[in-house]
PDB file of all heavy atoms in Angstrom:
ATOM      1  N   ASN A   1      25.299-177.144 -41.231  1.00  0.00           N
ATOM      2  CA  ASN A   1      25.262-178.544 -41.176  1.00  0.00           C
ATOM      3  C   ASN A   1      24.351-179.140 -42.143  1.00  0.00           C
ATOM      4  O   ASN A   1      23.485-178.515 -42.746  1.00  0.00           O
ATOM      5  CB  ASN A   1      24.893-178.997 -39.709  1.00  0.00           C
ATOM      6  CG  ASN A   1      25.991-178.694 -38.751  1.00  0.00           C
ATOM      7  OD1 ASN A   1      27.177-178.478 -39.130  1.00  0.00           O
ATOM      8  ND2 ASN A   1      25.690-178.696 -37.477  1.00  0.00           N
ATOM      9  N   HIS A   2      24.442-180.478 -42.231  1.00  0.00           N
ATOM     10  CA  HIS A   2      23.500-181.286 -43.149  1.00  0.00           C
ATOM     11  C   HIS A   2      23.527-180.804 -44.573  1.00  0.00           C
ATOM     12  O   HIS A   2      22.521-180.736 -45.255  1.00  0.00           O
ATOM     13  CB  HIS A   2      22.066-181.332 -42.577  1.00  0.00           C
ATOM     14  CG  HIS A   2      21.962-181.636 -41.140  1.00  0.00           C
ATOM     15  ND1 HIS A   2      22.284-182.837 -40.619  1.00  0.00           N
ATOM     16  CD2 HIS A   2      21.684-180.891 -40.052  1.00  0.00           C
ATOM     17  CE1 HIS A   2      22.155-182.862 -39.359  1.00  0.00           C
ATOM     18  NE2 HIS A   2      21.732-181.661 -38.967  1.00  0.00           N
ATOM     19  N   GLY A   3      24.653-180.431 -45.007  1.00  0.00           N
ATOM     20  CA  GLY A   3      24.828-179.910 -46.437  1.00  0.00           C
ATOM     21  C   GLY A   3      24.257-178.593 -46.730  1.00  0.00           C
ATOM     22  O   GLY A   3      23.919-178.336 -47.857  1.00  0.00           O
ATOM     23  N   ALA A   4      24.044-177.729 -45.711  1.00  0.00           N
ATOM     24  CA  ALA A   4      23.389-176.430 -45.951  1.00  0.00           C
ATOM     25  C   ALA A   4      24.330-175.367 -46.430  1.00  0.00           C
ATOM     26  O   ALA A   4      23.865-174.341 -46.967  1.00  0.00           O
ATOM     27  CB  ALA A   4      22.828-175.983 -44.583  1.00  0.00           C
ATOM     28  N   MET A   5      25.663-175.619 -46.429  1.00  0.00           N
ATOM     29  CA  MET A   5      26.544-174.555 -46.807  1.00  0.00           C
ATOM     30  C   MET A   5      26.431-174.175 -48.309  1.00  0.00           C
ATOM     31  O   MET A   5      26.498-172.965 -48.661  1.00  0.00           O
ATOM     32  CB  MET A   5      28.053-174.966 -46.482  1.00  0.00           C
ATOM     33  CG  MET A   5      28.373-174.714 -45.040  1.00  0.00           C
ATOM     34  SD  MET A   5      28.260-172.917 -44.556  1.00  0.00           S
ATOM     35  CE  MET A   5      29.627-172.246 -45.361  1.00  0.00           C
ATOM     36  N   LEU A   6      26.270-175.219 -49.160  1.00  0.00           N
ATOM     37  CA  LEU A   6      26.242-174.916 -50.629  1.00  0.00           C
ATOM     38  C   LEU A   6      24.942-174.238 -50.886  1.00  0.00           C
ATOM     39  O   LEU A   6      24.920-173.225 -51.684  1.00  0.00           O
ATOM     40  CB  LEU A   6      26.322-176.215 -51.425  1.00  0.00           C
ATOM     41  CG  LEU A   6      26.231-176.043 -52.927  1.00  0.00           C
ATOM     42  CD1 LEU A   6      27.361-175.139 -53.463  1.00  0.00           C
ATOM     43  CD2 LEU A   6      26.438-177.376 -53.591  1.00  0.00           C
ATOM     44  N   PRO A   7      23.783-174.644 -50.330  1.00  0.00           N
ATOM     45  CA  PRO A   7      22.513-173.865 -50.589  1.00  0.00           C
ATOM     46  C   PRO A   7      22.641-172.408 -50.091  1.00  0.00           C
ATOM     47  O   PRO A   7      22.078-171.482 -50.718  1.00  0.00           O
ATOM     48  CB  PRO A   7      21.466-174.637 -49.824  1.00  0.00           C
ATOM     49  CG  PRO A   7      21.986-176.068 -49.802  1.00  0.00           C
ATOM     50  CD  PRO A   7      23.474-175.947 -49.681  1.00  0.00           C
ATOM     51  N   MET A   8      23.325-172.257 -48.962  1.00  0.00           N
ATOM     52  CA  MET A   8      23.554-170.883 -48.430  1.00  0.00           C
ATOM     53  C   MET A   8      24.399-169.977 -49.340  1.00  0.00           C
ATOM     54  O   MET A   8      24.109-168.893 -49.557  1.00  0.00           O
ATOM     55  CB  MET A   8      24.168-170.970 -47.009  1.00  0.00           C
ATOM     56  CG  MET A   8      23.281-171.499 -45.910  1.00  0.00           C
ATOM     57  SD  MET A   8      21.856-170.412 -45.647  1.00  0.00           S
ATOM     58  CE  MET A   8      20.571-171.288 -46.585  1.00  0.00           C
ATOM     59  N   PHE A   9      25.364-170.645 -49.968  1.00  0.00           N
ATOM     60  CA  PHE A   9      26.234-169.896 -50.903  1.00  0.00           C
ATOM     61  C   PHE A   9      25.381-169.529 -52.170  1.00  0.00           C
ATOM     62  O   PHE A   9      25.487-168.367 -52.549  1.00  0.00           O
ATOM     63  CB  PHE A   9      27.416-170.823 -51.336  1.00  0.00           C
ATOM     64  CG  PHE A   9      28.275-170.205 -52.389  1.00  0.00           C
ATOM     65  CD1 PHE A   9      29.233-169.300 -52.086  1.00  0.00           C
ATOM     66  CD2 PHE A   9      28.068-170.465 -53.730  1.00  0.00           C
ATOM     67  CE1 PHE A   9      29.989-168.632 -53.122  1.00  0.00           C
ATOM     68  CE2 PHE A   9      28.856-169.892 -54.744  1.00  0.00           C
ATOM     69  CZ  PHE A   9      29.788-169.038 -54.454  1.00  0.00           C
ATOM     70  N   CYS A  10      24.617-170.467 -52.708  1.00  0.00           N
ATOM     71  CA  CYS A  10      23.734-170.145 -53.783  1.00  0.00           C
ATOM     72  C   CYS A  10      22.721-169.085 -53.437  1.00  0.00           C
ATOM     73  O   CYS A  10      22.481-168.189 -54.228  1.00  0.00           O
ATOM     74  CB  CYS A  10      23.028-171.372 -54.275  1.00  0.00           C
ATOM     75  SG  CYS A  10      24.097-172.769 -54.871  1.00  0.00           S
ATOM     76  N   LEU A  11      22.155-169.157 -52.234  1.00  0.00           N
ATOM     77  CA  LEU A  11      21.204-168.151 -51.792  1.00  0.00           C
ATOM     78  C   LEU A  11      21.819-166.754 -51.731  1.00  0.00           C
ATOM     79  O   LEU A  11      21.306-165.789 -52.369  1.00  0.00           O
ATOM     80  CB  LEU A  11      20.636-168.544 -50.450  1.00  0.00           C
ATOM     81  CG  LEU A  11      19.630-167.449 -49.794  1.00  0.00           C
ATOM     82  CD1 LEU A  11      18.418-167.284 -50.621  1.00  0.00           C
ATOM     83  CD2 LEU A  11      19.345-167.927 -48.292  1.00  0.00           C
ATOM     84  N   PHE A  12      22.988-166.606 -51.086  1.00  0.00           N
ATOM     85  CA  PHE A  12      23.553-165.264 -50.926  1.00  0.00           C
ATOM     86  C   PHE A  12      24.095-164.738 -52.262  1.00  0.00           C
ATOM     87  O   PHE A  12      24.076-163.584 -52.552  1.00  0.00           O
ATOM     88  CB  PHE A  12      24.682-165.332 -49.833  1.00  0.00           C
ATOM     89  CG  PHE A  12      24.131-165.272 -48.438  1.00  0.00           C
ATOM     90  CD1 PHE A  12      23.932-166.380 -47.690  1.00  0.00           C
ATOM     91  CD2 PHE A  12      23.907-164.033 -47.903  1.00  0.00           C
ATOM     92  CE1 PHE A  12      23.463-166.257 -46.432  1.00  0.00           C
ATOM     93  CE2 PHE A  12      23.416-163.853 -46.608  1.00  0.00           C
ATOM     94  CZ  PHE A  12      23.156-165.104 -45.925  1.00  0.00           C
ATOM     95  N   PHE A  13      24.673-165.683 -53.102  1.00  0.00           N
ATOM     96  CA  PHE A  13      25.076-165.210 -54.430  1.00  0.00           C
ATOM     97  C   PHE A  13      23.897-164.740 -55.250  1.00  0.00           C
ATOM     98  O   PHE A  13      23.971-163.720 -55.941  1.00  0.00           O
ATOM     99  CB  PHE A  13      25.774-166.353 -55.136  1.00  0.00           C
ATOM    100  CG  PHE A  13      26.445-166.037 -56.461  1.00  0.00           C
ATOM    101  CD1 PHE A  13      27.692-165.403 -56.472  1.00  0.00           C
ATOM    102  CD2 PHE A  13      25.697-166.156 -57.661  1.00  0.00           C
ATOM    103  CE1 PHE A  13      28.232-165.041 -57.716  1.00  0.00           C
ATOM    104  CE2 PHE A  13      26.292-165.796 -58.857  1.00  0.00           C
ATOM    105  CZ  PHE A  13      27.527-165.238 -58.879  1.00  0.00           C
ATOM    106  N   GLY A  14      22.839-165.526 -55.242  1.00  0.00           N
ATOM    107  CA  GLY A  14      21.681-165.132 -55.995  1.00  0.00           C
ATOM    108  C   GLY A  14      21.065-163.843 -55.493  1.00  0.00           C
ATOM    109  O   GLY A  14      20.583-163.033 -56.292  1.00  0.00           O
ATOM    110  N   PHE A  15      21.055-163.711 -54.166  1.00  0.00           N
ATOM    111  CA  PHE A  15      20.564-162.429 -53.603  1.00  0.00           C
ATOM    112  C   PHE A  15      21.466-161.205 -54.067  1.00  0.00           C
ATOM    113  O   PHE A  15      20.888-160.158 -54.453  1.00  0.00           O
ATOM    114  CB  PHE A  15      20.565-162.459 -52.124  1.00  0.00           C
ATOM    115  CG  PHE A  15      20.322-161.108 -51.477  1.00  0.00           C
ATOM    116  CD1 PHE A  15      19.096-160.578 -51.362  1.00  0.00           C
ATOM    117  CD2 PHE A  15      21.486-160.360 -50.906  1.00  0.00           C
ATOM    118  CE1 PHE A  15      18.952-159.294 -50.787  1.00  0.00           C
ATOM    119  CE2 PHE A  15      21.278-159.208 -50.382  1.00  0.00           C
ATOM    120  CZ  PHE A  15      20.023-158.603 -50.266  1.00  0.00           C
ATOM    121  N   GLY A  16      22.708-161.382 -54.033  1.00  0.00           N
ATOM    122  CA  GLY A  16      23.584-160.257 -54.518  1.00  0.00           C
ATOM    123  C   GLY A  16      23.480-159.906 -55.937  1.00  0.00           C
ATOM    124  O   GLY A  16      23.376-158.677 -56.250  1.00  0.00           O
ATOM    125  N   SER A  17      23.333-160.933 -56.778  1.00  0.00           N
ATOM    126  CA  SER A  17      23.158-160.572 -58.231  1.00  0.00           C
ATOM    127  C   SER A  17      21.797-159.908 -58.526  1.00  0.00           C
ATOM    128  O   SER A  17      21.685-158.969 -59.226  1.00  0.00           O
ATOM    129  CB  SER A  17      23.281-161.899 -59.045  1.00  0.00           C
ATOM    130  OG  SER A  17      22.367-162.866 -58.756  1.00  0.00           O
ATOM    131  N   CYS A  18      20.766-160.450 -57.798  1.00  0.00           N
ATOM    132  CA  CYS A  18      19.383-159.915 -58.084  1.00  0.00           C
ATOM    133  C   CYS A  18      19.305-158.528 -57.440  1.00  0.00           C
ATOM    134  O   CYS A  18      18.733-157.609 -58.072  1.00  0.00           O
ATOM    135  CB  CYS A  18      18.374-160.871 -57.460  1.00  0.00           C
ATOM    136  SG  CYS A  18      16.706-160.410 -57.809  1.00  0.00           S
ATOM    137  N   MET A  19      19.824-158.328 -56.199  1.00  0.00           N
ATOM    138  CA  MET A  19      19.724-157.040 -55.555  1.00  0.00           C
ATOM    139  C   MET A  19      20.509-156.038 -56.303  1.00  0.00           C
ATOM    140  O   MET A  19      20.085-154.827 -56.466  1.00  0.00           O
ATOM    141  CB  MET A  19      20.286-157.148 -54.122  1.00  0.00           C
ATOM    142  CG  MET A  19      20.346-155.858 -53.374  1.00  0.00           C
ATOM    143  SD  MET A  19      18.729-154.995 -53.331  1.00  0.00           S
ATOM    144  CE  MET A  19      17.850-155.920 -52.084  1.00  0.00           C
ATOM    145  N   THR A  20      21.618-156.348 -56.894  1.00  0.00           N
ATOM    146  CA  THR A  20      22.453-155.404 -57.669  1.00  0.00           C
ATOM    147  C   THR A  20      21.661-154.913 -58.922  1.00  0.00           C
ATOM    148  O   THR A  20      21.603-153.839 -59.231  1.00  0.00           O
ATOM    149  CB  THR A  20      23.759-156.112 -58.160  1.00  0.00           C
ATOM    150  OG1 THR A  20      24.509-156.459 -56.939  1.00  0.00           O
ATOM    151  CG2 THR A  20      24.627-155.109 -58.970  1.00  0.00           C
ATOM    152  N   ALA A  21      21.152-155.887 -59.675  1.00  0.00           N
ATOM    153  CA  ALA A  21      20.395-155.522 -60.808  1.00  0.00           C
ATOM    154  C   ALA A  21      19.064-154.694 -60.477  1.00  0.00           C
ATOM    155  O   ALA A  21      18.762-153.766 -61.128  1.00  0.00           O
ATOM    156  CB  ALA A  21      19.970-156.774 -61.622  1.00  0.00           C
ATOM    157  N   PHE A  22      18.439-155.134 -59.368  1.00  0.00           N
ATOM    158  CA  PHE A  22      17.252-154.416 -58.887  1.00  0.00           C
ATOM    159  C   PHE A  22      17.626-152.997 -58.485  1.00  0.00           C
ATOM    160  O   PHE A  22      16.871-152.021 -58.801  1.00  0.00           O
ATOM    161  CB  PHE A  22      16.626-155.151 -57.721  1.00  0.00           C
ATOM    162  CG  PHE A  22      15.382-154.520 -57.100  1.00  0.00           C
ATOM    163  CD1 PHE A  22      14.240-154.434 -57.718  1.00  0.00           C
ATOM    164  CD2 PHE A  22      15.476-153.985 -55.768  1.00  0.00           C
ATOM    165  CE1 PHE A  22      13.127-153.830 -57.233  1.00  0.00           C
ATOM    166  CE2 PHE A  22      14.406-153.398 -55.201  1.00  0.00           C
ATOM    167  CZ  PHE A  22      13.144-153.339 -55.991  1.00  0.00           C
ATOM    168  N   THR A  23      18.791-152.751 -57.861  1.00  0.00           N
ATOM    169  CA  THR A  23      19.166-151.476 -57.494  1.00  0.00           C
ATOM    170  C   THR A  23      19.446-150.590 -58.687  1.00  0.00           C
ATOM    171  O   THR A  23      19.245-149.325 -58.690  1.00  0.00           O
ATOM    172  CB  THR A  23      20.481-151.550 -56.563  1.00  0.00           C
ATOM    173  OG1 THR A  23      20.174-152.384 -55.467  1.00  0.00           O
ATOM    174  CG2 THR A  23      20.908-150.260 -56.095  1.00  0.00           C
ATOM    175  N   TYR A  24      19.920-151.149 -59.767  1.00  0.00           N
ATOM    176  CA  TYR A  24      20.176-150.403 -61.043  1.00  0.00           C
ATOM    177  C   TYR A  24      18.829-149.802 -61.505  1.00  0.00           C
ATOM    178  O   TYR A  24      18.830-148.699 -62.024  1.00  0.00           O
ATOM    179  CB  TYR A  24      20.845-151.276 -62.051  1.00  0.00           C
ATOM    180  CG  TYR A  24      22.242-151.736 -61.836  1.00  0.00           C
ATOM    181  CD1 TYR A  24      22.804-152.732 -62.512  1.00  0.00           C
ATOM    182  CD2 TYR A  24      23.063-151.059 -60.876  1.00  0.00           C
ATOM    183  CE1 TYR A  24      24.095-153.141 -62.297  1.00  0.00           C
ATOM    184  CE2 TYR A  24      24.216-151.471 -60.604  1.00  0.00           C
ATOM    185  CZ  TYR A  24      24.857-152.576 -61.348  1.00  0.00           C
ATOM    186  OH  TYR A  24      26.182-152.931 -61.070  1.00  0.00           O
ATOM    187  N   CYS A  25      17.802-150.626 -61.433  1.00  0.00           N
ATOM    188  CA  CYS A  25      16.517-150.147 -61.889  1.00  0.00           C
ATOM    189  C   CYS A  25      16.004-148.990 -60.993  1.00  0.00           C
ATOM    190  O   CYS A  25      15.480-148.026 -61.475  1.00  0.00           O
ATOM    191  CB  CYS A  25      15.484-151.311 -61.845  1.00  0.00           C
ATOM    192  SG  CYS A  25      15.729-152.555 -63.129  1.00  0.00           S
ATOM    193  N   LEU A  26      16.256-149.196 -59.679  1.00  0.00           N
ATOM    194  CA  LEU A  26      15.855-148.120 -58.783  1.00  0.00           C
ATOM    195  C   LEU A  26      16.595-146.785 -58.941  1.00  0.00           C
ATOM    196  O   LEU A  26      16.119-145.741 -58.686  1.00  0.00           O
ATOM    197  CB  LEU A  26      15.975-148.571 -57.330  1.00  0.00           C
ATOM    198  CG  LEU A  26      14.931-149.557 -56.654  1.00  0.00           C
ATOM    199  CD1 LEU A  26      15.364-149.824 -55.230  1.00  0.00           C
ATOM    200  CD2 LEU A  26      13.553-149.034 -56.748  1.00  0.00           C
ATOM    201  N   SER A  27      17.859-146.926 -59.405  1.00  0.00           N
ATOM    202  CA  SER A  27      18.640-145.720 -59.513  1.00  0.00           C
ATOM    203  C   SER A  27      18.027-144.687 -60.473  1.00  0.00           C
ATOM    204  O   SER A  27      18.365-143.505 -60.294  1.00  0.00           O
ATOM    205  CB  SER A  27      20.071-146.086 -60.024  1.00  0.00           C
ATOM    206  OG  SER A  27      20.016-146.549 -61.304  1.00  0.00           O
ATOM    207  N   PHE A  28      17.221-145.105 -61.396  1.00  0.00           N
ATOM    208  CA  PHE A  28      16.640-144.104 -62.293  1.00  0.00           C
ATOM    209  C   PHE A  28      15.618-143.173 -61.645  1.00  0.00           C
ATOM    210  O   PHE A  28      15.104-142.231 -62.226  1.00  0.00           O
ATOM    211  CB  PHE A  28      16.027-144.844 -63.527  1.00  0.00           C
ATOM    212  CG  PHE A  28      17.035-145.521 -64.358  1.00  0.00           C
ATOM    213  CD1 PHE A  28      17.050-146.913 -64.409  1.00  0.00           C
ATOM    214  CD2 PHE A  28      17.879-144.827 -65.199  1.00  0.00           C
ATOM    215  CE1 PHE A  28      18.000-147.590 -65.233  1.00  0.00           C
ATOM    216  CE2 PHE A  28      18.782-145.458 -66.057  1.00  0.00           C
ATOM    217  CZ  PHE A  28      18.883-146.789 -65.988  1.00  0.00           C
ATOM    218  N   LEU A  29      15.185-143.521 -60.445  1.00  0.00           N
ATOM    219  CA  LEU A  29      14.115-142.749 -59.730  1.00  0.00           C
ATOM    220  C   LEU A  29      14.783-141.526 -59.084  1.00  0.00           C
ATOM    221  O   LEU A  29      14.037-140.672 -58.520  1.00  0.00           O
ATOM    222  CB  LEU A  29      13.466-143.560 -58.692  1.00  0.00           C
ATOM    223  CG  LEU A  29      12.760-144.819 -59.165  1.00  0.00           C
ATOM    224  CD1 LEU A  29      12.191-145.532 -57.946  1.00  0.00           C
ATOM    225  CD2 LEU A  29      11.668-144.428 -60.185  1.00  0.00           C
ATOM    226  N   PHE A  30      16.134-141.428 -59.018  1.00  0.00           N
ATOM    227  CA  PHE A  30      16.825-140.348 -58.219  1.00  0.00           C
ATOM    228  C   PHE A  30      17.682-139.481 -59.047  1.00  0.00           C
ATOM    229  O   PHE A  30      18.201-139.959 -60.096  1.00  0.00           O
ATOM    230  CB  PHE A  30      17.548-141.007 -57.102  1.00  0.00           C
ATOM    231  CG  PHE A  30      16.847-141.993 -56.208  1.00  0.00           C
ATOM    232  CD1 PHE A  30      17.029-143.397 -56.420  1.00  0.00           C
ATOM    233  CD2 PHE A  30      15.907-141.595 -55.294  1.00  0.00           C
ATOM    234  CE1 PHE A  30      16.307-144.305 -55.659  1.00  0.00           C
ATOM    235  CE2 PHE A  30      15.166-142.512 -54.515  1.00  0.00           C
ATOM    236  CZ  PHE A  30      15.361-143.851 -54.737  1.00  0.00           C
ATOM    237  N   ASP A  31      17.803-138.261 -58.627  1.00  0.00           N
ATOM    238  CA  ASP A  31      18.602-137.284 -59.236  1.00  0.00           C
ATOM    239  C   ASP A  31      19.890-136.921 -58.486  1.00  0.00           C
ATOM    240  O   ASP A  31      20.856-136.413 -59.032  1.00  0.00           O
ATOM    241  CB  ASP A  31      17.852-135.971 -59.528  1.00  0.00           C
ATOM    242  CG  ASP A  31      16.758-136.211 -60.573  1.00  0.00           C
ATOM    243  OD1 ASP A  31      16.850-137.053 -61.471  1.00  0.00           O
ATOM    244  OD2 ASP A  31      15.640-135.590 -60.341  1.00  0.00           O
ATOM    245  N   THR A  32      19.859-137.181 -57.217  1.00  0.00           N
ATOM    246  CA  THR A  32      21.084-136.833 -56.311  1.00  0.00           C
ATOM    247  C   THR A  32      21.429-138.132 -55.592  1.00  0.00           C
ATOM    248  O   THR A  32      20.576-138.956 -55.133  1.00  0.00           O
ATOM    249  CB  THR A  32      20.697-135.754 -55.282  1.00  0.00           C
ATOM    250  OG1 THR A  32      19.689-136.167 -54.408  1.00  0.00           O
ATOM    251  CG2 THR A  32      20.299-134.442 -55.963  1.00  0.00           C
ATOM    252  N   HIS A  33      22.756-138.293 -55.436  1.00  0.00           N
ATOM    253  CA  HIS A  33      23.280-139.580 -54.871  1.00  0.00           C
ATOM    254  C   HIS A  33      22.960-139.625 -53.401  1.00  0.00           C
ATOM    255  O   HIS A  33      22.866-140.810 -52.842  1.00  0.00           O
ATOM    256  CB  HIS A  33      24.777-139.687 -55.145  1.00  0.00           C
ATOM    257  CG  HIS A  33      25.635-138.852 -54.370  1.00  0.00           C
ATOM    258  ND1 HIS A  33      25.764-137.376 -54.759  1.00  0.00           N
ATOM    259  CD2 HIS A  33      26.383-138.939 -53.337  1.00  0.00           C
ATOM    260  CE1 HIS A  33      26.559-136.894 -53.867  1.00  0.00           C
ATOM    261  NE2 HIS A  33      26.980-137.787 -53.035  1.00  0.00           N
ATOM    262  N   THR A  34      22.916-138.514 -52.694  1.00  0.00           N
ATOM    263  CA  THR A  34      22.677-138.626 -51.219  1.00  0.00           C
ATOM    264  C   THR A  34      21.197-139.121 -50.968  1.00  0.00           C
ATOM    265  O   THR A  34      20.999-139.987 -50.150  1.00  0.00           O
ATOM    266  CB  THR A  34      22.863-137.209 -50.631  1.00  0.00           C
ATOM    267  OG1 THR A  34      22.170-136.245 -51.286  1.00  0.00           O
ATOM    268  CG2 THR A  34      24.351-136.882 -50.618  1.00  0.00           C
ATOM    269  N   ARG A  35      20.254-138.535 -51.724  1.00  0.00           N
ATOM    270  CA  ARG A  35      18.892-138.945 -51.540  1.00  0.00           C
ATOM    271  C   ARG A  35      18.713-140.410 -51.966  1.00  0.00           C
ATOM    272  O   ARG A  35      17.949-141.243 -51.387  1.00  0.00           O
ATOM    273  CB  ARG A  35      17.929-138.066 -52.294  1.00  0.00           C
ATOM    274  CG  ARG A  35      16.471-138.460 -52.144  1.00  0.00           C
ATOM    275  CD  ARG A  35      15.572-137.492 -53.001  1.00  0.00           C
ATOM    276  NE  ARG A  35      15.562-136.111 -52.552  1.00  0.00           N
ATOM    277  CZ  ARG A  35      16.082-135.146 -53.320  1.00  0.00           C
ATOM    278  NH1 ARG A  35      16.536-135.456 -54.483  1.00  0.00           N
ATOM    279  NH2 ARG A  35      16.094-133.938 -52.939  1.00  0.00           N
ATOM    280  N   ALA A  36      19.406-140.798 -53.006  1.00  0.00           N
ATOM    281  CA  ALA A  36      19.278-142.151 -53.548  1.00  0.00           C
ATOM    282  C   ALA A  36      19.836-143.140 -52.529  1.00  0.00           C
ATOM    283  O   ALA A  36      19.190-144.139 -52.309  1.00  0.00           O
ATOM    284  CB  ALA A  36      20.109-142.273 -54.881  1.00  0.00           C
ATOM    285  N   GLN A  37      20.924-142.806 -51.832  1.00  0.00           N
ATOM    286  CA  GLN A  37      21.475-143.758 -50.955  1.00  0.00           C
ATOM    287  C   GLN A  37      20.535-143.977 -49.701  1.00  0.00           C
ATOM    288  O   GLN A  37      20.308-145.108 -49.266  1.00  0.00           O
ATOM    289  CB  GLN A  37      22.826-143.221 -50.363  1.00  0.00           C
ATOM    290  CG  GLN A  37      23.678-144.199 -49.489  1.00  0.00           C
ATOM    291  CD  GLN A  37      24.968-143.742 -49.155  1.00  0.00           C
ATOM    292  OE1 GLN A  37      25.171-142.476 -48.994  1.00  0.00           O
ATOM    293  NE2 GLN A  37      25.919-144.603 -49.180  1.00  0.00           N
ATOM    294  N   VAL A  38      19.985-142.855 -49.134  1.00  0.00           N
ATOM    295  CA  VAL A  38      19.154-142.954 -48.011  1.00  0.00           C
ATOM    296  C   VAL A  38      17.775-143.753 -48.321  1.00  0.00           C
ATOM    297  O   VAL A  38      17.468-144.672 -47.635  1.00  0.00           O
ATOM    298  CB  VAL A  38      18.850-141.603 -47.362  1.00  0.00           C
ATOM    299  CG1 VAL A  38      17.888-141.751 -46.268  1.00  0.00           C
ATOM    300  CG2 VAL A  38      20.098-140.965 -46.870  1.00  0.00           C
ATOM    301  N   LEU A  39      17.180-143.298 -49.403  1.00  0.00           N
ATOM    302  CA  LEU A  39      15.829-143.818 -49.817  1.00  0.00           C
ATOM    303  C   LEU A  39      16.045-145.336 -50.191  1.00  0.00           C
ATOM    304  O   LEU A  39      15.107-146.097 -49.977  1.00  0.00           O
ATOM    305  CB  LEU A  39      15.197-143.005 -50.775  1.00  0.00           C
ATOM    306  CG  LEU A  39      14.728-141.589 -50.329  1.00  0.00           C
ATOM    307  CD1 LEU A  39      14.033-140.900 -51.508  1.00  0.00           C
ATOM    308  CD2 LEU A  39      13.813-141.638 -49.156  1.00  0.00           C
ATOM    309  N   THR A  40      17.100-145.649 -50.916  1.00  0.00           N
ATOM    310  CA  THR A  40      17.170-147.038 -51.298  1.00  0.00           C
ATOM    311  C   THR A  40      17.338-147.975 -50.094  1.00  0.00           C
ATOM    312  O   THR A  40      16.722-149.082 -50.084  1.00  0.00           O
ATOM    313  CB  THR A  40      18.450-147.188 -52.211  1.00  0.00           C
ATOM    314  OG1 THR A  40      18.350-146.336 -53.374  1.00  0.00           O
ATOM    315  CG2 THR A  40      18.710-148.601 -52.669  1.00  0.00           C
TER     316      THR A  40
END
């Protein structure tokens, strides 16, 4: 309500893009995909 839907869309979209790029950086810390999935 009160015009919150557009800010919520921007928030979740920004979170998704930032989290994806942040995860790419974290991926270099791991050698196996199972350990990477759990620890991430």
